[in-house]
Amino acid sequence: MREIESAMEGILFASGEPVHVDRLCTALELDRATAEQVLQRLMDYYAYERRGIRLLRMEDSWQLCSAPDYAEVIRRAFEIRKPAKLSQPALEVLTIIAYYQPTTRAYVDQIRGVDSAYTIGLLLERRLIEECGRLQVPGRPHLYRTTKQFLRAFHLTSLEDLPEMPDLGGEGQMRLNESGEIVDPLDGADSAAAESGDA
């Protein structure tokens, strides 16, 4: 078992990219259940021992990466600038695409009520979203979906880990707070009612 773990570790390290579990099964001549058991053991080991690396699962793929605890030190070592935080519009567009993918820019624009062309371009540049075909309607608009980089950036194993979308009520407008969480319109209405009651 230790030899299998070491071989798997070597493959994941050499790749530098997410590796599909089927590829690991083929290379190591393992069945999927055994491969996933070994991967889970490695993941638990890195986390428990507080190693400088972590093993991440993204849907059916696995990747070795540096531990978030040492992000600042790693940035200093390689003089990497901290990536700019996503703006409010970028978070809104990313949220819509994450929950309604695959979707078109027109649909994103319709929900937000403003043109999202620039923001979609920015998210494509940062590889948080990608084109995934065209909608079969006149004009054949591009369809967009989130990427593995999106899962990695938000520490998600799969899209099923996304929090449940709150009911937007009759208002139909999505709002995010400063930390990028979706604000339930009812909460806003309650606080507004409380403020008017105080006055």
N, C-alpha and C. Protein backbone atom coordinates (compact mmCIF):
# COMPACT_ATOMS: atom_id res chain seq x y z
N MET A 1 0.84 -1.20 0.00
CA MET A 1 0.00 0.00 0.00
C MET A 1 0.87 1.26 0.00
N ARG A 2 1.96 1.22 0.78
CA ARG A 2 2.85 2.39 0.84
C ARG A 2 3.48 2.67 -0.52
N GLU A 3 3.81 1.60 -1.25
CA GLU A 3 4.40 1.77 -2.57
C GLU A 3 3.39 2.41 -3.54
N ILE A 4 2.13 1.99 -3.43
CA ILE A 4 1.07 2.56 -4.27
C ILE A 4 0.90 4.04 -3.94
N GLU A 5 0.88 4.37 -2.64
CA GLU A 5 0.76 5.77 -2.22
C GLU A 5 1.89 6.60 -2.80
N SER A 6 3.12 6.07 -2.71
CA SER A 6 4.29 6.81 -3.21
C SER A 6 4.22 7.01 -4.71
N ALA A 7 3.79 5.97 -5.44
CA ALA A 7 3.67 6.07 -6.90
C ALA A 7 2.62 7.11 -7.28
N MET A 8 1.50 7.10 -6.54
CA MET A 8 0.41 8.04 -6.80
C MET A 8 0.89 9.47 -6.53
N GLU A 9 1.61 9.64 -5.44
CA GLU A 9 2.18 10.94 -5.07
C GLU A 9 3.10 11.44 -6.18
N GLY A 10 3.93 10.53 -6.71
CA GLY A 10 4.85 10.89 -7.78
C GLY A 10 4.12 11.35 -9.04
N ILE A 11 3.05 10.64 -9.41
CA ILE A 11 2.26 11.01 -10.60
C ILE A 11 1.64 12.39 -10.41
N LEU A 12 1.03 12.60 -9.25
CA LEU A 12 0.35 13.88 -8.98
C LEU A 12 1.34 15.03 -8.95
N PHE A 13 2.52 14.79 -8.36
CA PHE A 13 3.55 15.83 -8.30
C PHE A 13 4.06 16.16 -9.69
N ALA A 14 4.32 15.14 -10.50
CA ALA A 14 4.88 15.34 -11.85
C ALA A 14 3.89 16.06 -12.75
N SER A 15 2.59 15.82 -12.54
CA SER A 15 1.58 16.42 -13.41
C SER A 15 1.50 17.94 -13.24
N GLY A 16 1.41 18.40 -12.00
CA GLY A 16 1.23 19.84 -11.76
C GLY A 16 -0.15 20.33 -12.12
N GLU A 17 -0.98 19.47 -12.68
CA GLU A 17 -2.35 19.78 -13.07
C GLU A 17 -3.27 18.73 -12.44
N PRO A 18 -4.60 18.99 -12.42
CA PRO A 18 -5.50 17.95 -11.92
C PRO A 18 -5.39 16.67 -12.75
N VAL A 19 -5.37 15.52 -12.09
CA VAL A 19 -5.28 14.21 -12.76
C VAL A 19 -6.57 13.46 -12.51
N HIS A 20 -7.22 12.99 -13.57
CA HIS A 20 -8.47 12.24 -13.44
C HIS A 20 -8.19 10.90 -12.76
N VAL A 21 -9.09 10.49 -11.88
CA VAL A 21 -8.90 9.25 -11.13
C VAL A 21 -8.76 8.04 -12.06
N ASP A 22 -9.44 8.06 -13.22
CA ASP A 22 -9.33 6.93 -14.16
C ASP A 22 -7.91 6.78 -14.70
N ARG A 23 -7.23 7.91 -14.89
CA ARG A 23 -5.85 7.87 -15.37
C ARG A 23 -4.93 7.22 -14.32
N LEU A 24 -5.19 7.54 -13.06
CA LEU A 24 -4.41 6.94 -11.97
C LEU A 24 -4.69 5.43 -11.89
N CYS A 25 -5.95 5.05 -12.06
CA CYS A 25 -6.33 3.63 -12.03
C CYS A 25 -5.60 2.86 -13.14
N THR A 26 -5.57 3.44 -14.34
CA THR A 26 -4.91 2.79 -15.47
C THR A 26 -3.42 2.65 -15.23
N ALA A 27 -2.78 3.73 -14.77
CA ALA A 27 -1.33 3.73 -14.57
C ALA A 27 -0.91 2.74 -13.48
N LEU A 28 -1.72 2.65 -12.42
CA LEU A 28 -1.34 1.82 -11.27
C LEU A 28 -2.06 0.47 -11.24
N GLU A 29 -2.88 0.24 -12.28
CA GLU A 29 -3.65 -1.02 -12.40
C GLU A 29 -4.47 -1.27 -11.13
N LEU A 30 -5.26 -0.25 -10.76
CA LEU A 30 -6.12 -0.34 -9.58
C LEU A 30 -7.58 -0.18 -9.98
N ASP A 31 -8.48 -0.71 -9.16
CA ASP A 31 -9.90 -0.39 -9.38
C ASP A 31 -10.17 0.97 -8.74
N ARG A 32 -11.24 1.58 -9.16
CA ARG A 32 -11.53 2.96 -8.75
C ARG A 32 -11.69 3.09 -7.23
N ALA A 33 -12.37 2.14 -6.61
CA ALA A 33 -12.59 2.21 -5.16
C ALA A 33 -11.27 2.22 -4.39
N THR A 34 -10.33 1.37 -4.81
CA THR A 34 -9.01 1.32 -4.15
C THR A 34 -8.25 2.61 -4.37
N ALA A 35 -8.27 3.12 -5.60
CA ALA A 35 -7.56 4.36 -5.92
C ALA A 35 -8.09 5.51 -5.07
N GLU A 36 -9.42 5.60 -4.95
CA GLU A 36 -10.01 6.70 -4.17
C GLU A 36 -9.70 6.55 -2.69
N GLN A 37 -9.61 5.30 -2.22
CA GLN A 37 -9.25 5.05 -0.82
C GLN A 37 -7.82 5.53 -0.55
N VAL A 38 -6.91 5.23 -1.46
CA VAL A 38 -5.51 5.65 -1.31
C VAL A 38 -5.41 7.17 -1.37
N LEU A 39 -6.12 7.78 -2.31
CA LEU A 39 -6.11 9.24 -2.44
C LEU A 39 -6.65 9.90 -1.17
N GLN A 40 -7.71 9.36 -0.61
CA GLN A 40 -8.29 9.90 0.62
C GLN A 40 -7.29 9.81 1.77
N ARG A 41 -6.56 8.67 1.84
CA ARG A 41 -5.52 8.50 2.89
C ARG A 41 -4.43 9.55 2.75
N LEU A 42 -4.00 9.79 1.49
CA LEU A 42 -2.97 10.81 1.25
C LEU A 42 -3.49 12.19 1.65
N MET A 43 -4.74 12.49 1.27
CA MET A 43 -5.34 13.79 1.58
C MET A 43 -5.38 14.00 3.10
N ASP A 44 -5.84 12.98 3.83
CA ASP A 44 -5.92 13.06 5.29
C ASP A 44 -4.54 13.20 5.92
N TYR A 45 -3.56 12.49 5.37
CA TYR A 45 -2.19 12.53 5.90
C TYR A 45 -1.62 13.95 5.79
N TYR A 46 -1.72 14.56 4.61
CA TYR A 46 -1.18 15.91 4.42
C TYR A 46 -1.84 16.91 5.36
N ALA A 47 -3.15 16.79 5.52
CA ALA A 47 -3.89 17.73 6.37
C ALA A 47 -3.54 17.50 7.85
N TYR A 48 -3.53 16.22 8.29
CA TYR A 48 -3.30 15.90 9.70
C TYR A 48 -1.88 16.27 10.14
N GLU A 49 -0.92 16.00 9.28
CA GLU A 49 0.49 16.26 9.61
C GLU A 49 0.87 17.73 9.38
N ARG A 50 -0.09 18.52 8.90
CA ARG A 50 0.13 19.95 8.60
C ARG A 50 1.34 20.15 7.69
N ARG A 51 1.39 19.34 6.63
CA ARG A 51 2.48 19.43 5.65
C ARG A 51 2.32 20.70 4.82
N GLY A 52 3.36 21.03 4.07
CA GLY A 52 3.32 22.23 3.22
C GLY A 52 2.55 22.03 1.93
N ILE A 53 2.09 20.80 1.70
CA ILE A 53 1.27 20.53 0.51
C ILE A 53 -0.06 19.94 0.93
N ARG A 54 -1.02 20.06 0.06
CA ARG A 54 -2.35 19.49 0.26
C ARG A 54 -2.75 18.74 -1.00
N LEU A 55 -3.63 17.77 -0.84
CA LEU A 55 -4.20 17.07 -1.97
C LEU A 55 -5.64 17.52 -2.10
N LEU A 56 -5.98 18.09 -3.23
CA LEU A 56 -7.33 18.59 -3.46
C LEU A 56 -8.10 17.68 -4.39
N ARG A 57 -9.39 17.51 -4.10
CA ARG A 57 -10.28 16.78 -5.00
C ARG A 57 -11.18 17.79 -5.70
N MET A 58 -11.26 17.68 -7.03
CA MET A 58 -12.15 18.52 -7.82
C MET A 58 -12.94 17.61 -8.74
N GLU A 59 -14.17 17.30 -8.33
CA GLU A 59 -15.02 16.34 -9.01
C GLU A 59 -14.28 15.00 -9.08
N ASP A 60 -13.94 14.50 -10.26
CA ASP A 60 -13.26 13.20 -10.37
C ASP A 60 -11.76 13.35 -10.59
N SER A 61 -11.23 14.55 -10.36
CA SER A 61 -9.79 14.79 -10.54
C SER A 61 -9.16 15.17 -9.20
N TRP A 62 -7.85 14.92 -9.10
CA TRP A 62 -7.09 15.21 -7.88
C TRP A 62 -5.84 15.99 -8.25
N GLN A 63 -5.42 16.90 -7.35
CA GLN A 63 -4.23 17.70 -7.62
C GLN A 63 -3.47 18.01 -6.34
N LEU A 64 -2.15 17.92 -6.42
CA LEU A 64 -1.30 18.36 -5.32
C LEU A 64 -1.11 19.86 -5.44
N CYS A 65 -1.20 20.58 -4.34
CA CYS A 65 -0.96 22.03 -4.37
C CYS A 65 -0.38 22.44 -3.02
N SER A 66 0.08 23.67 -2.95
CA SER A 66 0.66 24.15 -1.68
C SER A 66 -0.46 24.43 -0.68
N ALA A 67 -0.12 24.30 0.61
CA ALA A 67 -1.10 24.55 1.68
C ALA A 67 -1.41 26.04 1.76
N PRO A 68 -2.69 26.40 1.88
CA PRO A 68 -3.06 27.83 1.96
C PRO A 68 -2.37 28.57 3.10
N ASP A 69 -2.04 27.84 4.20
CA ASP A 69 -1.39 28.47 5.37
C ASP A 69 -0.07 29.14 5.00
N TYR A 70 0.58 28.63 3.93
CA TYR A 70 1.90 29.14 3.57
C TYR A 70 1.88 30.00 2.31
N ALA A 71 0.69 30.46 1.94
CA ALA A 71 0.54 31.25 0.70
C ALA A 71 1.42 32.50 0.72
N GLU A 72 1.45 33.21 1.85
CA GLU A 72 2.21 34.46 1.94
C GLU A 72 3.70 34.21 1.78
N VAL A 73 4.21 33.17 2.43
CA VAL A 73 5.64 32.83 2.37
C VAL A 73 6.01 32.42 0.94
N ILE A 74 5.15 31.64 0.30
CA ILE A 74 5.41 31.18 -1.08
C ILE A 74 5.43 32.37 -2.02
N ARG A 75 4.49 33.30 -1.83
CA ARG A 75 4.46 34.51 -2.66
C ARG A 75 5.76 35.30 -2.51
N ARG A 76 6.23 35.43 -1.26
CA ARG A 76 7.48 36.16 -1.01
C ARG A 76 8.66 35.47 -1.68
N ALA A 77 8.69 34.13 -1.59
CA ALA A 77 9.81 33.36 -2.16
C ALA A 77 9.91 33.55 -3.67
N PHE A 78 8.77 33.63 -4.32
CA PHE A 78 8.77 33.74 -5.78
C PHE A 78 8.40 35.13 -6.27
N GLU A 79 8.28 36.08 -5.32
CA GLU A 79 7.93 37.47 -5.64
C GLU A 79 6.66 37.53 -6.49
N ILE A 80 5.69 36.73 -6.07
CA ILE A 80 4.40 36.69 -6.78
C ILE A 80 3.49 37.73 -6.15
N ARG A 81 2.91 38.56 -6.97
CA ARG A 81 1.94 39.53 -6.46
C ARG A 81 0.66 38.81 -6.08
N LYS A 82 0.05 39.25 -4.98
CA LYS A 82 -1.21 38.66 -4.55
C LYS A 82 -2.26 38.95 -5.61
N PRO A 83 -3.03 37.93 -6.05
CA PRO A 83 -4.02 38.20 -7.08
C PRO A 83 -5.06 39.20 -6.58
N ALA A 84 -5.44 40.10 -7.47
CA ALA A 84 -6.43 41.11 -7.10
C ALA A 84 -7.75 40.44 -6.74
N LYS A 85 -8.41 40.98 -5.72
CA LYS A 85 -9.71 40.43 -5.33
C LYS A 85 -10.71 40.68 -6.44
N LEU A 86 -11.69 39.81 -6.52
CA LEU A 86 -12.75 39.99 -7.52
C LEU A 86 -13.63 41.16 -7.12
N SER A 87 -13.99 41.97 -8.09
CA SER A 87 -14.87 43.11 -7.83
C SER A 87 -16.30 42.60 -7.61
N GLN A 88 -17.15 43.49 -7.12
CA GLN A 88 -18.57 43.15 -6.90
C GLN A 88 -19.23 42.66 -8.19
N PRO A 89 -19.07 43.38 -9.34
CA PRO A 89 -19.68 42.89 -10.58
C PRO A 89 -19.15 41.51 -10.99
N ALA A 90 -17.83 41.28 -10.80
CA ALA A 90 -17.25 39.99 -11.17
C ALA A 90 -17.83 38.88 -10.31
N LEU A 91 -18.01 39.13 -9.01
CA LEU A 91 -18.62 38.14 -8.12
C LEU A 91 -20.05 37.83 -8.53
N GLU A 92 -20.78 38.89 -8.92
CA GLU A 92 -22.17 38.69 -9.35
C GLU A 92 -22.24 37.81 -10.59
N VAL A 93 -21.42 38.14 -11.60
CA VAL A 93 -21.42 37.38 -12.85
C VAL A 93 -20.99 35.94 -12.59
N LEU A 94 -19.96 35.76 -11.79
CA LEU A 94 -19.46 34.43 -11.49
C LEU A 94 -20.51 33.60 -10.75
N THR A 95 -21.24 34.23 -9.84
CA THR A 95 -22.30 33.54 -9.10
C THR A 95 -23.40 33.07 -10.03
N ILE A 96 -23.81 33.95 -10.94
CA ILE A 96 -24.88 33.60 -11.90
C ILE A 96 -24.44 32.43 -12.77
N ILE A 97 -23.23 32.50 -13.29
CA ILE A 97 -22.73 31.41 -14.16
C ILE A 97 -22.60 30.12 -13.36
N ALA A 98 -22.12 30.21 -12.12
CA ALA A 98 -21.95 29.00 -11.30
C ALA A 98 -23.28 28.29 -11.06
N TYR A 99 -24.34 29.07 -10.80
CA TYR A 99 -25.63 28.47 -10.47
C TYR A 99 -26.48 28.10 -11.69
N TYR A 100 -26.28 28.81 -12.81
CA TYR A 100 -27.14 28.58 -13.97
C TYR A 100 -26.40 28.00 -15.17
N GLN A 101 -25.17 27.51 -14.98
CA GLN A 101 -24.38 27.03 -16.11
C GLN A 101 -24.98 25.77 -16.75
N PRO A 102 -24.71 25.57 -18.06
CA PRO A 102 -24.08 26.55 -18.96
C PRO A 102 -25.08 27.64 -19.31
N THR A 103 -24.59 28.87 -19.39
CA THR A 103 -25.49 30.00 -19.66
C THR A 103 -24.83 31.00 -20.59
N THR A 104 -25.64 31.89 -21.14
CA THR A 104 -25.15 32.88 -22.11
C THR A 104 -24.95 34.24 -21.43
N ARG A 105 -24.22 35.10 -22.12
CA ARG A 105 -24.02 36.46 -21.61
C ARG A 105 -25.36 37.20 -21.53
N ALA A 106 -26.22 36.95 -22.51
CA ALA A 106 -27.53 37.62 -22.53
C ALA A 106 -28.33 37.29 -21.27
N TYR A 107 -28.25 36.04 -20.83
CA TYR A 107 -28.97 35.62 -19.63
C TYR A 107 -28.39 36.32 -18.39
N VAL A 108 -27.05 36.38 -18.34
CA VAL A 108 -26.38 37.07 -17.22
C VAL A 108 -26.81 38.54 -17.21
N ASP A 109 -26.80 39.18 -18.40
CA ASP A 109 -27.21 40.59 -18.52
C ASP A 109 -28.64 40.79 -18.04
N GLN A 110 -29.50 39.83 -18.40
CA GLN A 110 -30.92 39.93 -18.05
C GLN A 110 -31.10 39.89 -16.53
N ILE A 111 -30.37 39.01 -15.85
CA ILE A 111 -30.49 38.92 -14.39
C ILE A 111 -29.90 40.16 -13.71
N ARG A 112 -28.75 40.64 -14.20
CA ARG A 112 -28.09 41.77 -13.56
C ARG A 112 -28.68 43.11 -13.96
N GLY A 113 -29.26 43.17 -15.16
CA GLY A 113 -29.83 44.43 -15.63
C GLY A 113 -28.81 45.37 -16.23
N VAL A 114 -27.57 44.90 -16.42
CA VAL A 114 -26.50 45.71 -17.04
C VAL A 114 -25.67 44.84 -17.97
N ASP A 115 -24.88 45.48 -18.83
CA ASP A 115 -24.02 44.76 -19.77
C ASP A 115 -22.85 44.11 -19.01
N SER A 116 -22.62 42.84 -19.27
CA SER A 116 -21.59 42.09 -18.53
C SER A 116 -20.40 41.68 -19.41
N ALA A 117 -20.30 42.24 -20.62
CA ALA A 117 -19.26 41.82 -21.57
C ALA A 117 -17.86 41.95 -20.98
N TYR A 118 -17.54 43.10 -20.38
CA TYR A 118 -16.20 43.33 -19.84
C TYR A 118 -15.91 42.35 -18.71
N THR A 119 -16.88 42.16 -17.82
CA THR A 119 -16.68 41.29 -16.65
C THR A 119 -16.49 39.85 -17.08
N ILE A 120 -17.25 39.39 -18.06
CA ILE A 120 -17.08 38.02 -18.56
C ILE A 120 -15.68 37.86 -19.15
N GLY A 121 -15.20 38.88 -19.88
CA GLY A 121 -13.85 38.85 -20.43
C GLY A 121 -12.80 38.71 -19.34
N LEU A 122 -13.01 39.43 -18.24
CA LEU A 122 -12.10 39.39 -17.10
C LEU A 122 -12.07 38.00 -16.45
N LEU A 123 -13.25 37.40 -16.30
CA LEU A 123 -13.34 36.06 -15.69
C LEU A 123 -12.73 34.99 -16.60
N LEU A 124 -12.86 35.18 -17.92
CA LEU A 124 -12.23 34.27 -18.88
C LEU A 124 -10.71 34.37 -18.76
N GLU A 125 -10.23 35.61 -18.62
CA GLU A 125 -8.79 35.87 -18.49
C GLU A 125 -8.22 35.19 -17.24
N ARG A 126 -8.99 35.22 -16.17
CA ARG A 126 -8.53 34.62 -14.90
C ARG A 126 -8.84 33.12 -14.84
N ARG A 127 -9.38 32.59 -15.91
CA ARG A 127 -9.67 31.16 -16.07
C ARG A 127 -10.63 30.62 -15.00
N LEU A 128 -11.54 31.49 -14.54
CA LEU A 128 -12.57 31.06 -13.60
C LEU A 128 -13.79 30.54 -14.36
N ILE A 129 -13.95 31.01 -15.61
CA ILE A 129 -15.01 30.50 -16.49
C ILE A 129 -14.39 30.16 -17.84
N GLU A 130 -15.13 29.41 -18.65
CA GLU A 130 -14.67 29.05 -19.99
C GLU A 130 -15.87 28.92 -20.92
N GLU A 131 -15.61 29.07 -22.23
CA GLU A 131 -16.65 28.83 -23.22
C GLU A 131 -16.84 27.33 -23.34
N CYS A 132 -18.10 26.91 -23.52
CA CYS A 132 -18.36 25.46 -23.61
C CYS A 132 -19.39 25.16 -24.71
N GLY A 133 -19.25 25.87 -25.83
CA GLY A 133 -20.17 25.63 -26.94
C GLY A 133 -21.01 26.85 -27.24
N ARG A 134 -22.01 26.64 -28.10
CA ARG A 134 -22.92 27.73 -28.48
C ARG A 134 -24.36 27.26 -28.34
N LEU A 135 -25.23 28.20 -28.01
CA LEU A 135 -26.65 27.90 -27.90
C LEU A 135 -27.24 27.82 -29.31
N GLN A 136 -28.05 26.81 -29.57
CA GLN A 136 -28.60 26.61 -30.92
C GLN A 136 -29.83 27.48 -31.15
N VAL A 137 -29.61 28.79 -31.18
CA VAL A 137 -30.66 29.78 -31.49
C VAL A 137 -30.03 30.78 -32.45
N PRO A 138 -30.84 31.62 -33.11
CA PRO A 138 -30.26 32.62 -34.02
C PRO A 138 -29.18 33.44 -33.32
N GLY A 139 -28.06 33.63 -34.04
CA GLY A 139 -26.92 34.35 -33.47
C GLY A 139 -25.95 33.42 -32.77
N ARG A 140 -26.39 32.21 -32.43
CA ARG A 140 -25.57 31.20 -31.76
C ARG A 140 -24.63 31.78 -30.69
N PRO A 141 -25.20 32.35 -29.60
CA PRO A 141 -24.35 32.95 -28.56
C PRO A 141 -23.52 31.89 -27.82
N HIS A 142 -22.36 32.34 -27.32
CA HIS A 142 -21.48 31.45 -26.56
C HIS A 142 -22.15 31.03 -25.25
N LEU A 143 -21.88 29.79 -24.84
CA LEU A 143 -22.29 29.31 -23.52
C LEU A 143 -21.07 29.33 -22.62
N TYR A 144 -21.28 29.67 -21.35
CA TYR A 144 -20.18 29.73 -20.38
C TYR A 144 -20.46 28.81 -19.20
N ARG A 145 -19.37 28.28 -18.64
CA ARG A 145 -19.45 27.46 -17.43
C ARG A 145 -18.21 27.75 -16.59
N THR A 146 -18.25 27.30 -15.33
CA THR A 146 -17.09 27.49 -14.45
C THR A 146 -16.04 26.41 -14.77
N THR A 147 -14.82 26.64 -14.29
CA THR A 147 -13.69 25.75 -14.58
C THR A 147 -13.21 25.05 -13.31
N LYS A 148 -12.22 24.18 -13.48
CA LYS A 148 -11.59 23.55 -12.31
C LYS A 148 -10.86 24.61 -11.47
N GLN A 149 -10.36 25.65 -12.15
CA GLN A 149 -9.70 26.75 -11.44
C GLN A 149 -10.70 27.43 -10.49
N PHE A 150 -11.98 27.52 -10.90
CA PHE A 150 -13.04 28.08 -10.05
C PHE A 150 -13.19 27.22 -8.80
N LEU A 151 -13.26 25.88 -8.98
CA LEU A 151 -13.40 24.98 -7.84
C LEU A 151 -12.22 25.14 -6.89
N ARG A 152 -11.01 25.23 -7.48
CA ARG A 152 -9.78 25.35 -6.68
C ARG A 152 -9.79 26.67 -5.91
N ALA A 153 -10.14 27.75 -6.59
CA ALA A 153 -10.12 29.09 -5.97
C ALA A 153 -11.10 29.21 -4.81
N PHE A 154 -12.24 28.51 -4.92
CA PHE A 154 -13.25 28.62 -3.87
C PHE A 154 -13.29 27.40 -2.96
N HIS A 155 -12.24 26.55 -3.03
CA HIS A 155 -12.10 25.37 -2.17
C HIS A 155 -13.33 24.48 -2.22
N LEU A 156 -13.80 24.19 -3.44
CA LEU A 156 -14.95 23.31 -3.63
C LEU A 156 -14.49 22.00 -4.25
N THR A 157 -15.07 20.90 -3.81
CA THR A 157 -14.77 19.60 -4.42
C THR A 157 -15.53 19.46 -5.73
N SER A 158 -16.79 19.90 -5.73
CA SER A 158 -17.61 19.87 -6.94
C SER A 158 -18.66 20.97 -6.83
N LEU A 159 -19.42 21.16 -7.90
CA LEU A 159 -20.46 22.20 -7.90
C LEU A 159 -21.56 21.89 -6.89
N GLU A 160 -21.68 20.63 -6.50
CA GLU A 160 -22.68 20.25 -5.50
C GLU A 160 -22.38 20.87 -4.14
N ASP A 161 -21.13 21.32 -3.94
CA ASP A 161 -20.75 21.96 -2.68
C ASP A 161 -21.18 23.42 -2.60
N LEU A 162 -21.70 23.96 -3.71
CA LEU A 162 -22.18 25.34 -3.68
C LEU A 162 -23.33 25.46 -2.69
N PRO A 163 -23.39 26.54 -1.90
CA PRO A 163 -24.52 26.70 -0.98
C PRO A 163 -25.83 26.83 -1.77
N GLU A 164 -26.92 26.46 -1.10
CA GLU A 164 -28.23 26.51 -1.77
C GLU A 164 -28.57 27.95 -2.11
N MET A 165 -29.10 28.15 -3.31
CA MET A 165 -29.48 29.49 -3.75
C MET A 165 -30.71 29.95 -2.98
N PRO A 166 -30.65 31.13 -2.33
CA PRO A 166 -31.83 31.60 -1.59
C PRO A 166 -32.94 32.02 -2.55
N ASP A 167 -34.15 32.02 -2.04
CA ASP A 167 -35.30 32.45 -2.84
C ASP A 167 -35.19 33.95 -3.05
N LEU A 168 -35.19 34.37 -4.32
CA LEU A 168 -35.03 35.80 -4.62
C LEU A 168 -36.35 36.56 -4.54
N GLY A 169 -37.45 35.85 -4.28
CA GLY A 169 -38.75 36.50 -4.14
C GLY A 169 -39.19 37.15 -5.44
N GLY A 170 -40.14 38.05 -5.34
CA GLY A 170 -40.70 38.69 -6.53
C GLY A 170 -39.75 39.71 -7.12
N GLU A 171 -38.78 40.16 -6.33
CA GLU A 171 -37.88 41.21 -6.79
C GLU A 171 -37.03 40.77 -7.98
N GLY A 172 -36.56 39.49 -7.94
CA GLY A 172 -35.81 38.94 -9.07
C GLY A 172 -34.40 39.45 -9.22
N GLN A 173 -33.94 40.33 -8.34
CA GLN A 173 -32.57 40.86 -8.43
C GLN A 173 -31.68 40.16 -7.42
N MET A 174 -30.54 39.71 -7.87
CA MET A 174 -29.58 39.07 -6.97
C MET A 174 -28.70 40.15 -6.35
N ARG A 175 -28.45 40.04 -5.05
CA ARG A 175 -27.55 40.98 -4.40
C ARG A 175 -26.51 40.21 -3.61
N LEU A 176 -25.28 40.73 -3.61
CA LEU A 176 -24.20 40.12 -2.84
C LEU A 176 -23.70 41.11 -1.81
N ASN A 177 -23.29 40.60 -0.64
CA ASN A 177 -22.68 41.50 0.34
C ASN A 177 -21.19 41.64 0.03
N GLU A 178 -20.46 42.36 0.87
CA GLU A 178 -19.05 42.65 0.57
C GLU A 178 -18.16 41.42 0.56
N SER A 179 -18.58 40.34 1.27
CA SER A 179 -17.77 39.12 1.28
C SER A 179 -18.17 38.16 0.16
N GLY A 180 -19.07 38.60 -0.73
CA GLY A 180 -19.43 37.78 -1.89
C GLY A 180 -20.54 36.79 -1.62
N GLU A 181 -21.19 36.88 -0.44
CA GLU A 181 -22.30 35.97 -0.15
C GLU A 181 -23.59 36.55 -0.69
N ILE A 182 -24.49 35.65 -1.12
CA ILE A 182 -25.76 36.11 -1.67
C ILE A 182 -26.64 36.58 -0.52
N VAL A 183 -27.21 37.78 -0.70
CA VAL A 183 -28.07 38.35 0.33
C VAL A 183 -29.51 38.00 0.00
N ASP A 184 -30.20 37.41 0.96
CA ASP A 184 -31.61 37.07 0.78
C ASP A 184 -32.41 38.37 0.83
N PRO A 185 -33.23 38.67 -0.22
CA PRO A 185 -34.00 39.91 -0.24
C PRO A 185 -34.89 40.07 0.98
N LEU A 186 -35.38 38.94 1.56
CA LEU A 186 -36.26 39.02 2.72
C LEU A 186 -35.52 39.59 3.92
N ASP A 187 -34.23 39.25 4.06
CA ASP A 187 -33.43 39.81 5.15
C ASP A 187 -33.34 41.32 5.01
N GLY A 188 -33.12 41.76 3.78
CA GLY A 188 -33.05 43.20 3.51
C GLY A 188 -34.36 43.89 3.84
N ALA A 189 -35.48 43.22 3.49
CA ALA A 189 -36.80 43.80 3.74
C ALA A 189 -37.05 43.89 5.25
N ASP A 190 -36.63 42.83 5.99
CA ASP A 190 -36.83 42.83 7.43
C ASP A 190 -36.06 43.95 8.10
N SER A 191 -34.78 44.13 7.67
CA SER A 191 -33.96 45.18 8.30
C SER A 191 -34.50 46.56 7.95
N ALA A 192 -35.01 46.72 6.70
CA ALA A 192 -35.58 48.00 6.30
C ALA A 192 -36.81 48.31 7.13
N ALA A 193 -37.64 47.26 7.37
CA ALA A 193 -38.85 47.44 8.17
C ALA A 193 -38.48 47.80 9.60
N ALA A 194 -37.42 47.17 10.11
CA ALA A 194 -36.98 47.46 11.49
C ALA A 194 -36.50 48.89 11.61
N GLU A 195 -35.77 49.37 10.59
CA GLU A 195 -35.26 50.75 10.61
C GLU A 195 -36.41 51.74 10.59
N SER A 196 -37.42 51.45 9.72
CA SER A 196 -38.54 52.40 9.63
C SER A 196 -39.35 52.38 10.92
N GLY A 197 -39.38 51.20 11.62
CA GLY A 197 -40.09 51.09 12.90
C GLY A 197 -39.40 51.89 13.97
N ASP A 198 -38.06 51.90 13.93
CA ASP A 198 -37.28 52.66 14.91
C ASP A 198 -37.50 54.15 14.76
N ALA A 199 -37.68 54.58 13.49
CA ALA A 199 -37.84 56.00 13.22
C ALA A 199 -39.23 56.38 13.68
